[in-house]
Amino acid sequence: MTLDERIEALTKSLRLMASRHAALEKETAAEFAATDAKFAETRDLFASTRQLINRLPHITEAPGQRLDRLEGQ
């Protein structure tokens, strides 16, 4: 194999690796975007759940107050 053939083979290999690297970067970016979307959904669900949990004491107080008023009459 001549020096020119070796250089040509190396050039082809590097182009192939660069092409594969670019494809993997695109795939990885898409996967990260999907993961970010899932985390955003989870964060929003957690925030909603936390708000509901914070409201529970107020929700349970109201019937007790009504019963106290009825018993006091």
N, C-alpha and C. Protein backbone atom coordinates (compact mmCIF):
# COMPACT_ATOMS: atom_id res chain seq x y z
N MET A 1 0.87 -1.17 0.00
CA MET A 1 0.00 0.00 0.00
C MET A 1 0.91 1.23 0.00
N THR A 2 0.64 2.13 -0.90
CA THR A 2 1.46 3.34 -1.00
C THR A 2 1.02 4.36 0.04
N LEU A 3 1.85 5.36 0.19
CA LEU A 3 1.54 6.42 1.14
C LEU A 3 0.25 7.14 0.75
N ASP A 4 0.06 7.40 -0.51
CA ASP A 4 -1.17 8.06 -0.97
C ASP A 4 -2.41 7.21 -0.67
N GLU A 5 -2.30 5.90 -0.84
CA GLU A 5 -3.42 5.01 -0.53
C GLU A 5 -3.73 5.01 0.96
N ARG A 6 -2.69 5.04 1.76
CA ARG A 6 -2.88 5.10 3.22
C ARG A 6 -3.56 6.41 3.63
N ILE A 7 -3.09 7.50 3.05
CA ILE A 7 -3.71 8.80 3.35
C ILE A 7 -5.17 8.80 2.92
N GLU A 8 -5.46 8.25 1.76
CA GLU A 8 -6.84 8.17 1.26
C GLU A 8 -7.70 7.32 2.20
N ALA A 9 -7.17 6.20 2.65
CA ALA A 9 -7.91 5.33 3.57
C ALA A 9 -8.17 6.04 4.90
N LEU A 10 -7.17 6.75 5.41
CA LEU A 10 -7.35 7.51 6.65
C LEU A 10 -8.39 8.61 6.47
N THR A 11 -8.35 9.29 5.34
CA THR A 11 -9.31 10.35 5.06
C THR A 11 -10.73 9.79 5.04
N LYS A 12 -10.91 8.65 4.40
CA LYS A 12 -12.24 8.02 4.35
C LYS A 12 -12.69 7.63 5.76
N SER A 13 -11.77 7.07 6.54
CA SER A 13 -12.11 6.67 7.90
C SER A 13 -12.53 7.87 8.74
N LEU A 14 -11.77 8.96 8.60
CA LEU A 14 -12.10 10.15 9.37
C LEU A 14 -13.44 10.74 8.95
N ARG A 15 -13.73 10.74 7.67
CA ARG A 15 -15.03 11.25 7.20
C ARG A 15 -16.17 10.38 7.75
N LEU A 16 -15.97 9.07 7.74
CA LEU A 16 -16.98 8.16 8.26
C LEU A 16 -17.20 8.39 9.75
N MET A 17 -16.11 8.53 10.49
CA MET A 17 -16.22 8.78 11.94
C MET A 17 -16.89 10.13 12.21
N ALA A 18 -16.55 11.14 11.43
CA ALA A 18 -17.17 12.46 11.62
C ALA A 18 -18.66 12.40 11.32
N SER A 19 -19.03 11.67 10.30
CA SER A 19 -20.44 11.52 9.95
C SER A 19 -21.20 10.80 11.06
N ARG A 20 -20.61 9.73 11.56
CA ARG A 20 -21.25 8.97 12.65
C ARG A 20 -21.35 9.82 13.92
N HIS A 21 -20.31 10.59 14.18
CA HIS A 21 -20.32 11.47 15.36
C HIS A 21 -21.46 12.49 15.26
N ALA A 22 -21.63 13.07 14.09
CA ALA A 22 -22.71 14.06 13.90
C ALA A 22 -24.08 13.39 14.10
N ALA A 23 -24.23 12.17 13.59
CA ALA A 23 -25.50 11.46 13.77
C ALA A 23 -25.76 11.17 15.25
N LEU A 24 -24.72 10.77 15.96
CA LEU A 24 -24.88 10.49 17.39
C LEU A 24 -25.20 11.76 18.18
N GLU A 25 -24.62 12.88 17.78
CA GLU A 25 -24.94 14.14 18.44
C GLU A 25 -26.41 14.48 18.27
N LYS A 26 -26.95 14.28 17.07
CA LYS A 26 -28.37 14.56 16.83
C LYS A 26 -29.25 13.63 17.66
N GLU A 27 -28.90 12.34 17.69
CA GLU A 27 -29.68 11.38 18.48
C GLU A 27 -29.66 11.75 19.96
N THR A 28 -28.47 12.10 20.44
CA THR A 28 -28.34 12.46 21.85
C THR A 28 -29.13 13.71 22.18
N ALA A 29 -29.08 14.70 21.31
CA ALA A 29 -29.85 15.93 21.53
C ALA A 29 -31.34 15.63 21.59
N ALA A 30 -31.82 14.76 20.71
CA ALA A 30 -33.23 14.39 20.71
C ALA A 30 -33.61 13.66 22.00
N GLU A 31 -32.73 12.77 22.46
CA GLU A 31 -33.01 12.05 23.70
C GLU A 31 -33.02 12.99 24.90
N PHE A 32 -32.09 13.94 24.93
CA PHE A 32 -32.08 14.91 26.02
C PHE A 32 -33.33 15.78 26.00
N ALA A 33 -33.79 16.15 24.83
CA ALA A 33 -35.01 16.96 24.72
C ALA A 33 -36.20 16.17 25.26
N ALA A 34 -36.27 14.89 24.91
CA ALA A 34 -37.37 14.06 25.40
C ALA A 34 -37.30 13.91 26.91
N THR A 35 -36.11 13.72 27.44
CA THR A 35 -35.94 13.60 28.88
C THR A 35 -36.32 14.89 29.59
N ASP A 36 -35.92 16.02 29.03
CA ASP A 36 -36.30 17.31 29.61
C ASP A 36 -37.81 17.48 29.64
N ALA A 37 -38.49 17.05 28.59
CA ALA A 37 -39.95 17.15 28.55
C ALA A 37 -40.58 16.28 29.63
N LYS A 38 -40.04 15.08 29.83
CA LYS A 38 -40.58 14.20 30.87
C LYS A 38 -40.35 14.78 32.25
N PHE A 39 -39.17 15.36 32.47
CA PHE A 39 -38.91 15.99 33.76
C PHE A 39 -39.83 17.18 33.99
N ALA A 40 -40.12 17.93 32.95
CA ALA A 40 -41.03 19.07 33.09
C ALA A 40 -42.43 18.59 33.47
N GLU A 41 -42.89 17.51 32.85
CA GLU A 41 -44.20 16.95 33.19
C GLU A 41 -44.21 16.50 34.64
N THR A 42 -43.15 15.81 35.05
CA THR A 42 -43.06 15.32 36.43
C THR A 42 -43.03 16.48 37.41
N ARG A 43 -42.27 17.52 37.08
CA ARG A 43 -42.19 18.69 37.95
C ARG A 43 -43.55 19.35 38.10
N ASP A 44 -44.27 19.49 36.99
CA ASP A 44 -45.59 20.11 37.03
C ASP A 44 -46.57 19.26 37.83
N LEU A 45 -46.50 17.95 37.65
CA LEU A 45 -47.38 17.05 38.40
C LEU A 45 -47.06 17.13 39.88
N PHE A 46 -45.78 17.16 40.22
CA PHE A 46 -45.37 17.26 41.61
C PHE A 46 -45.86 18.57 42.22
N ALA A 47 -45.74 19.66 41.47
CA ALA A 47 -46.20 20.96 41.98
C ALA A 47 -47.70 20.93 42.22
N SER A 48 -48.46 20.34 41.31
CA SER A 48 -49.91 20.25 41.49
C SER A 48 -50.26 19.40 42.70
N THR A 49 -49.56 18.30 42.85
CA THR A 49 -49.81 17.41 43.99
C THR A 49 -49.47 18.11 45.29
N ARG A 50 -48.35 18.84 45.29
CA ARG A 50 -47.95 19.56 46.50
C ARG A 50 -48.99 20.62 46.86
N GLN A 51 -49.54 21.32 45.87
CA GLN A 51 -50.56 22.32 46.13
C GLN A 51 -51.80 21.67 46.73
N LEU A 52 -52.18 20.51 46.19
CA LEU A 52 -53.35 19.80 46.72
C LEU A 52 -53.10 19.38 48.16
N ILE A 53 -51.93 18.85 48.43
CA ILE A 53 -51.60 18.42 49.79
C ILE A 53 -51.63 19.62 50.74
N ASN A 54 -51.13 20.75 50.29
CA ASN A 54 -51.16 21.95 51.14
C ASN A 54 -52.58 22.44 51.39
N ARG A 55 -53.51 22.16 50.50
CA ARG A 55 -54.91 22.58 50.67
C ARG A 55 -55.70 21.62 51.56
N LEU A 56 -55.22 20.38 51.72
CA LEU A 56 -55.97 19.39 52.48
C LEU A 56 -56.36 19.84 53.89
N PRO A 57 -55.49 20.44 54.65
CA PRO A 57 -55.93 20.87 56.00
C PRO A 57 -57.10 21.85 55.94
N HIS A 58 -57.09 22.74 54.98
CA HIS A 58 -58.19 23.70 54.86
C HIS A 58 -59.48 23.00 54.43
N ILE A 59 -59.34 22.02 53.56
CA ILE A 59 -60.52 21.28 53.10
C ILE A 59 -61.14 20.50 54.26
N THR A 60 -60.30 19.91 55.11
CA THR A 60 -60.83 19.12 56.22
C THR A 60 -61.33 19.99 57.36
N GLU A 61 -60.87 21.23 57.46
CA GLU A 61 -61.34 22.13 58.52
C GLU A 61 -62.78 22.58 58.28
N ALA A 62 -63.15 22.80 57.06
CA ALA A 62 -64.47 23.35 56.75
C ALA A 62 -65.60 22.47 57.26
N PRO A 63 -65.62 21.16 57.02
CA PRO A 63 -66.73 20.36 57.55
C PRO A 63 -66.75 20.36 59.08
N GLY A 64 -65.58 20.37 59.69
CA GLY A 64 -65.52 20.40 61.15
C GLY A 64 -66.10 21.68 61.70
N GLN A 65 -65.83 22.79 61.05
CA GLN A 65 -66.38 24.07 61.49
C GLN A 65 -67.89 24.09 61.32
N ARG A 66 -68.38 23.52 60.23
CA ARG A 66 -69.83 23.47 60.04
C ARG A 66 -70.49 22.61 61.10
N LEU A 67 -69.85 21.48 61.44
CA LEU A 67 -70.42 20.63 62.48
C LEU A 67 -70.41 21.35 63.84
N ASP A 68 -69.32 22.08 64.12
CA ASP A 68 -69.27 22.82 65.37
C ASP A 68 -70.41 23.85 65.44
N ARG A 69 -70.65 24.52 64.31
CA ARG A 69 -71.73 25.52 64.29
C ARG A 69 -73.09 24.84 64.48
N LEU A 70 -73.29 23.69 63.84
CA LEU A 70 -74.56 22.99 63.98
C LEU A 70 -74.77 22.49 65.41
N GLU A 71 -73.72 21.99 66.00
CA GLU A 71 -73.83 21.49 67.38
C GLU A 71 -74.04 22.63 68.36
N GLY A 72 -73.49 23.80 68.05
CA GLY A 72 -73.63 24.95 68.94
C GLY A 72 -75.01 25.56 68.89
N GLN A 73 -75.80 25.27 67.86
CA GLN A 73 -77.13 25.90 67.74
C GLN A 73 -78.12 25.23 68.61
